[in-house]
Amino acid sequence: MYVERGDPVQSSEKMYKVAGECVKALAVKFNTPEVHEARREGRWWAKLLSRAAKTPSLKLEEPLINIGWSVAYDLHVWGFHEAVLGIEHVKLSLPHIERLLERTRELLSS
């Protein structure tokens, strides 16, 4: 929706949020240490999300999870906070986030 409107800032943040929810869901499914740390700390920090993306990537030999998160974090920093990405740059990231979402759905249903 925000991509279609040509809004790179909001598009970036929404894609980041989708990726973050994917990472959290996979962390819960695979009972990663980061889930327990997030519960202890009362929230998910970016450092926990980063580690939580890598843990199932390593376990499943599935680099897509880590790559999707890395792309999303790049959008969060450069597309949302710094607002230096144009919509054409943001659009390049969309397929990575879509693949992460699709793979997350597959893993959660298995």
N, C-alpha and C. Protein backbone atom coordinates (compact mmCIF):
# COMPACT_ATOMS: atom_id res chain seq x y z
N MET A 1 0.81 -1.18 0.00
CA MET A 1 0.00 0.00 0.00
C MET A 1 0.87 1.26 0.00
N TYR A 2 1.83 1.35 0.94
CA TYR A 2 2.69 2.53 0.98
C TYR A 2 3.65 2.55 -0.20
N VAL A 3 4.03 1.38 -0.68
CA VAL A 3 4.89 1.31 -1.87
C VAL A 3 4.13 1.90 -3.05
N GLU A 4 2.89 1.49 -3.20
CA GLU A 4 2.06 1.99 -4.30
C GLU A 4 1.85 3.50 -4.22
N ARG A 5 1.82 4.02 -3.01
CA ARG A 5 1.66 5.47 -2.82
C ARG A 5 2.97 6.23 -3.06
N GLY A 6 4.07 5.48 -3.16
CA GLY A 6 5.37 6.12 -3.36
C GLY A 6 5.95 6.68 -2.09
N ASP A 7 5.61 6.11 -0.94
CA ASP A 7 6.08 6.59 0.36
C ASP A 7 7.20 5.68 0.87
N PRO A 8 8.46 6.05 0.63
CA PRO A 8 9.57 5.18 1.02
C PRO A 8 9.75 5.05 2.53
N VAL A 9 9.44 6.07 3.27
CA VAL A 9 9.64 6.03 4.73
C VAL A 9 8.67 5.03 5.37
N GLN A 10 7.40 5.18 5.07
CA GLN A 10 6.42 4.26 5.67
C GLN A 10 6.55 2.84 5.09
N SER A 11 6.87 2.73 3.82
CA SER A 11 7.09 1.41 3.22
C SER A 11 8.23 0.69 3.93
N SER A 12 9.30 1.41 4.18
CA SER A 12 10.46 0.84 4.86
C SER A 12 10.09 0.32 6.24
N GLU A 13 9.38 1.13 6.98
CA GLU A 13 9.04 0.73 8.35
C GLU A 13 8.05 -0.43 8.37
N LYS A 14 7.11 -0.45 7.47
CA LYS A 14 6.13 -1.55 7.45
C LYS A 14 6.82 -2.86 7.08
N MET A 15 7.75 -2.82 6.14
CA MET A 15 8.49 -4.04 5.78
C MET A 15 9.35 -4.51 6.95
N TYR A 16 9.94 -3.57 7.65
CA TYR A 16 10.73 -3.91 8.84
C TYR A 16 9.85 -4.59 9.89
N LYS A 17 8.68 -4.07 10.09
CA LYS A 17 7.75 -4.65 11.08
C LYS A 17 7.35 -6.06 10.68
N VAL A 18 7.08 -6.28 9.41
CA VAL A 18 6.72 -7.62 8.93
C VAL A 18 7.88 -8.59 9.21
N ALA A 19 9.07 -8.18 8.86
CA ALA A 19 10.24 -9.05 9.08
C ALA A 19 10.44 -9.32 10.57
N GLY A 20 10.27 -8.31 11.39
CA GLY A 20 10.41 -8.50 12.83
C GLY A 20 9.41 -9.50 13.38
N GLU A 21 8.18 -9.43 12.91
CA GLU A 21 7.17 -10.39 13.36
C GLU A 21 7.49 -11.80 12.87
N CYS A 22 8.04 -11.91 11.68
CA CYS A 22 8.47 -13.22 11.17
C CYS A 22 9.56 -13.81 12.07
N VAL A 23 10.54 -12.99 12.37
CA VAL A 23 11.65 -13.45 13.20
C VAL A 23 11.15 -13.86 14.58
N LYS A 24 10.28 -13.07 15.18
CA LYS A 24 9.74 -13.43 16.49
C LYS A 24 8.97 -14.74 16.44
N ALA A 25 8.14 -14.91 15.43
CA ALA A 25 7.35 -16.14 15.30
C ALA A 25 8.26 -17.36 15.14
N LEU A 26 9.29 -17.22 14.35
CA LEU A 26 10.22 -18.35 14.17
C LEU A 26 11.01 -18.62 15.44
N ALA A 27 11.36 -17.57 16.14
CA ALA A 27 12.07 -17.74 17.41
C ALA A 27 11.21 -18.50 18.41
N VAL A 28 9.94 -18.19 18.45
CA VAL A 28 9.02 -18.89 19.35
C VAL A 28 8.88 -20.36 18.91
N LYS A 29 8.67 -20.56 17.61
CA LYS A 29 8.51 -21.93 17.10
C LYS A 29 9.71 -22.80 17.44
N PHE A 30 10.90 -22.25 17.27
CA PHE A 30 12.11 -23.03 17.50
C PHE A 30 12.70 -22.83 18.90
N ASN A 31 11.93 -22.14 19.75
CA ASN A 31 12.29 -21.97 21.15
C ASN A 31 13.75 -21.52 21.32
N THR A 32 14.08 -20.44 20.65
CA THR A 32 15.45 -19.96 20.70
C THR A 32 15.74 -19.26 22.03
N PRO A 33 17.00 -19.16 22.39
CA PRO A 33 17.35 -18.45 23.64
C PRO A 33 16.89 -16.99 23.64
N GLU A 34 16.78 -16.40 22.46
CA GLU A 34 16.38 -15.00 22.38
C GLU A 34 14.95 -14.79 22.85
N VAL A 35 14.10 -15.78 22.66
CA VAL A 35 12.71 -15.67 23.15
C VAL A 35 12.71 -15.50 24.67
N HIS A 36 13.50 -16.32 25.33
CA HIS A 36 13.56 -16.26 26.79
C HIS A 36 14.17 -14.93 27.27
N GLU A 37 15.17 -14.47 26.54
CA GLU A 37 15.79 -13.20 26.90
C GLU A 37 14.80 -12.04 26.70
N ALA A 38 14.04 -12.06 25.60
CA ALA A 38 13.05 -11.02 25.35
C ALA A 38 11.98 -11.02 26.45
N ARG A 39 11.58 -12.20 26.88
CA ARG A 39 10.58 -12.29 27.96
C ARG A 39 11.15 -11.73 29.25
N ARG A 40 12.40 -12.05 29.56
CA ARG A 40 13.04 -11.53 30.78
C ARG A 40 13.15 -10.01 30.73
N GLU A 41 13.51 -9.49 29.56
CA GLU A 41 13.72 -8.05 29.43
C GLU A 41 12.42 -7.29 29.16
N GLY A 42 11.36 -8.01 28.84
CA GLY A 42 10.06 -7.38 28.63
C GLY A 42 9.86 -6.79 27.25
N ARG A 43 10.78 -7.03 26.34
CA ARG A 43 10.64 -6.53 24.98
C ARG A 43 11.69 -7.14 24.07
N TRP A 44 11.43 -6.98 22.78
CA TRP A 44 12.39 -7.41 21.76
C TRP A 44 13.24 -6.21 21.37
N TRP A 45 14.53 -6.29 21.59
CA TRP A 45 15.47 -5.27 21.15
C TRP A 45 15.98 -5.67 19.77
N ALA A 46 16.51 -4.72 19.02
CA ALA A 46 17.06 -5.03 17.70
C ALA A 46 18.17 -6.07 17.79
N LYS A 47 18.98 -6.02 18.85
CA LYS A 47 20.05 -7.01 18.99
C LYS A 47 19.47 -8.41 19.15
N LEU A 48 18.36 -8.54 19.86
CA LEU A 48 17.73 -9.85 20.03
C LEU A 48 17.13 -10.33 18.71
N LEU A 49 16.51 -9.44 17.98
CA LEU A 49 15.94 -9.82 16.69
C LEU A 49 17.04 -10.26 15.73
N SER A 50 18.15 -9.58 15.76
CA SER A 50 19.27 -9.95 14.90
C SER A 50 19.77 -11.36 15.23
N ARG A 51 19.96 -11.62 16.50
CA ARG A 51 20.41 -12.97 16.90
C ARG A 51 19.32 -14.00 16.64
N ALA A 52 18.06 -13.62 16.88
CA ALA A 52 16.95 -14.55 16.67
C ALA A 52 16.79 -14.91 15.20
N ALA A 53 17.18 -14.04 14.29
CA ALA A 53 17.14 -14.36 12.86
C ALA A 53 18.25 -15.33 12.50
N LYS A 54 19.37 -15.19 13.15
CA LYS A 54 20.52 -16.04 12.84
C LYS A 54 20.39 -17.44 13.42
N THR A 55 19.77 -17.57 14.58
CA THR A 55 19.66 -18.87 15.24
C THR A 55 18.92 -19.89 14.38
N PRO A 56 17.70 -19.63 13.92
CA PRO A 56 17.05 -20.63 13.05
C PRO A 56 17.72 -20.75 11.68
N SER A 57 18.32 -19.65 11.20
CA SER A 57 19.05 -19.74 9.94
C SER A 57 20.16 -20.78 10.03
N LEU A 58 20.87 -20.75 11.14
CA LEU A 58 21.95 -21.73 11.35
C LEU A 58 21.39 -23.14 11.55
N LYS A 59 20.39 -23.24 12.40
CA LYS A 59 19.81 -24.54 12.74
C LYS A 59 19.22 -25.23 11.51
N LEU A 60 18.52 -24.47 10.68
CA LEU A 60 17.83 -25.02 9.52
C LEU A 60 18.67 -24.96 8.25
N GLU A 61 19.86 -24.36 8.37
CA GLU A 61 20.68 -24.09 7.18
C GLU A 61 19.84 -23.35 6.14
N GLU A 62 19.18 -22.31 6.62
CA GLU A 62 18.22 -21.52 5.84
C GLU A 62 18.65 -20.06 5.87
N PRO A 63 19.57 -19.64 4.99
CA PRO A 63 20.06 -18.26 5.04
C PRO A 63 19.00 -17.22 4.75
N LEU A 64 17.91 -17.61 4.13
CA LEU A 64 16.84 -16.67 3.78
C LEU A 64 16.33 -15.89 5.00
N ILE A 65 16.27 -16.54 6.14
CA ILE A 65 15.76 -15.87 7.34
C ILE A 65 16.69 -14.73 7.74
N ASN A 66 17.96 -15.02 7.81
CA ASN A 66 18.93 -13.99 8.18
C ASN A 66 19.01 -12.90 7.11
N ILE A 67 18.98 -13.28 5.86
CA ILE A 67 19.04 -12.29 4.77
C ILE A 67 17.82 -11.38 4.82
N GLY A 68 16.64 -11.97 4.98
CA GLY A 68 15.42 -11.17 5.06
C GLY A 68 15.47 -10.17 6.20
N TRP A 69 15.94 -10.63 7.36
CA TRP A 69 16.07 -9.72 8.50
C TRP A 69 17.09 -8.62 8.21
N SER A 70 18.21 -8.97 7.62
CA SER A 70 19.24 -7.97 7.32
C SER A 70 18.73 -6.90 6.37
N VAL A 71 17.99 -7.31 5.37
CA VAL A 71 17.39 -6.36 4.43
C VAL A 71 16.41 -5.45 5.18
N ALA A 72 15.61 -6.05 6.05
CA ALA A 72 14.62 -5.27 6.80
C ALA A 72 15.29 -4.27 7.73
N TYR A 73 16.37 -4.68 8.38
CA TYR A 73 17.05 -3.76 9.28
C TYR A 73 17.67 -2.60 8.51
N ASP A 74 18.19 -2.89 7.32
CA ASP A 74 18.70 -1.83 6.46
C ASP A 74 17.59 -0.83 6.12
N LEU A 75 16.42 -1.34 5.82
CA LEU A 75 15.28 -0.46 5.55
C LEU A 75 14.92 0.38 6.77
N HIS A 76 14.96 -0.25 7.93
CA HIS A 76 14.61 0.44 9.17
C HIS A 76 15.55 1.63 9.41
N VAL A 77 16.83 1.39 9.24
CA VAL A 77 17.81 2.44 9.50
C VAL A 77 17.81 3.49 8.39
N TRP A 78 18.03 3.05 7.15
CA TRP A 78 18.26 3.99 6.06
C TRP A 78 16.98 4.47 5.39
N GLY A 79 15.94 3.63 5.42
CA GLY A 79 14.69 4.03 4.80
C GLY A 79 13.77 4.79 5.73
N PHE A 80 13.75 4.36 7.01
CA PHE A 80 12.84 4.98 7.98
C PHE A 80 13.55 6.07 8.80
N HIS A 81 14.53 5.68 9.61
CA HIS A 81 15.16 6.66 10.50
C HIS A 81 15.91 7.76 9.75
N GLU A 82 16.74 7.37 8.81
CA GLU A 82 17.54 8.37 8.09
C GLU A 82 16.81 8.94 6.88
N ALA A 83 15.82 8.22 6.39
CA ALA A 83 14.99 8.67 5.26
C ALA A 83 15.83 9.09 4.05
N VAL A 84 16.82 8.26 3.72
CA VAL A 84 17.68 8.58 2.58
C VAL A 84 17.43 7.66 1.37
N LEU A 85 16.50 6.71 1.51
CA LEU A 85 16.20 5.82 0.39
C LEU A 85 14.99 6.32 -0.37
N GLY A 86 15.09 6.28 -1.68
CA GLY A 86 13.94 6.59 -2.51
C GLY A 86 13.06 5.37 -2.66
N ILE A 87 11.89 5.56 -3.18
CA ILE A 87 10.95 4.45 -3.32
C ILE A 87 11.52 3.36 -4.22
N GLU A 88 12.32 3.73 -5.23
CA GLU A 88 12.92 2.71 -6.10
C GLU A 88 13.90 1.84 -5.33
N HIS A 89 14.58 2.40 -4.34
CA HIS A 89 15.50 1.61 -3.50
C HIS A 89 14.71 0.66 -2.60
N VAL A 90 13.65 1.19 -2.03
CA VAL A 90 12.81 0.40 -1.13
C VAL A 90 12.16 -0.76 -1.88
N LYS A 91 11.71 -0.51 -3.09
CA LYS A 91 11.08 -1.56 -3.89
C LYS A 91 12.01 -2.74 -4.13
N LEU A 92 13.30 -2.49 -4.21
CA LEU A 92 14.27 -3.58 -4.40
C LEU A 92 14.26 -4.57 -3.24
N SER A 93 13.87 -4.11 -2.08
CA SER A 93 13.86 -4.96 -0.89
C SER A 93 12.58 -5.77 -0.74
N LEU A 94 11.53 -5.33 -1.37
CA LEU A 94 10.23 -5.98 -1.20
C LEU A 94 10.24 -7.48 -1.48
N PRO A 95 10.87 -7.97 -2.56
CA PRO A 95 10.87 -9.42 -2.79
C PRO A 95 11.54 -10.22 -1.66
N HIS A 96 12.55 -9.65 -1.03
CA HIS A 96 13.21 -10.33 0.08
C HIS A 96 12.27 -10.47 1.28
N ILE A 97 11.53 -9.43 1.56
CA ILE A 97 10.59 -9.46 2.68
C ILE A 97 9.44 -10.41 2.36
N GLU A 98 8.98 -10.39 1.13
CA GLU A 98 7.91 -11.31 0.74
C GLU A 98 8.36 -12.76 0.85
N ARG A 99 9.60 -13.06 0.44
CA ARG A 99 10.12 -14.43 0.56
C ARG A 99 10.25 -14.84 2.02
N LEU A 100 10.69 -13.91 2.86
CA LEU A 100 10.79 -14.21 4.29
C LEU A 100 9.41 -14.52 4.86
N LEU A 101 8.43 -13.74 4.50
CA LEU A 101 7.07 -13.97 4.99
C LEU A 101 6.54 -15.32 4.50
N GLU A 102 6.74 -15.61 3.25
CA GLU A 102 6.28 -16.89 2.68
C GLU A 102 6.96 -18.07 3.37
N ARG A 103 8.27 -17.97 3.54
CA ARG A 103 9.01 -19.08 4.19
C ARG A 103 8.60 -19.21 5.65
N THR A 104 8.36 -18.11 6.31
CA THR A 104 7.91 -18.15 7.71
C THR A 104 6.58 -18.88 7.80
N ARG A 105 5.66 -18.56 6.92
CA ARG A 105 4.36 -19.25 6.90
C ARG A 105 4.54 -20.76 6.72
N GLU A 106 5.43 -21.14 5.80
CA GLU A 106 5.68 -22.56 5.55
C GLU A 106 6.24 -23.24 6.80
N LEU A 107 7.21 -22.61 7.43
CA LEU A 107 7.84 -23.20 8.61
C LEU A 107 6.87 -23.27 9.80
N LEU A 108 6.03 -22.28 9.93
CA LEU A 108 5.08 -22.28 11.04
C LEU A 108 3.98 -23.34 10.85
N SER A 109 3.68 -23.66 9.62
CA SER A 109 2.62 -24.64 9.37
C SER A 109 3.14 -26.08 9.36
N SER A 110 4.44 -26.25 9.40
CA SER A 110 4.99 -27.62 9.39
C SER A 110 5.21 -28.17 10.78
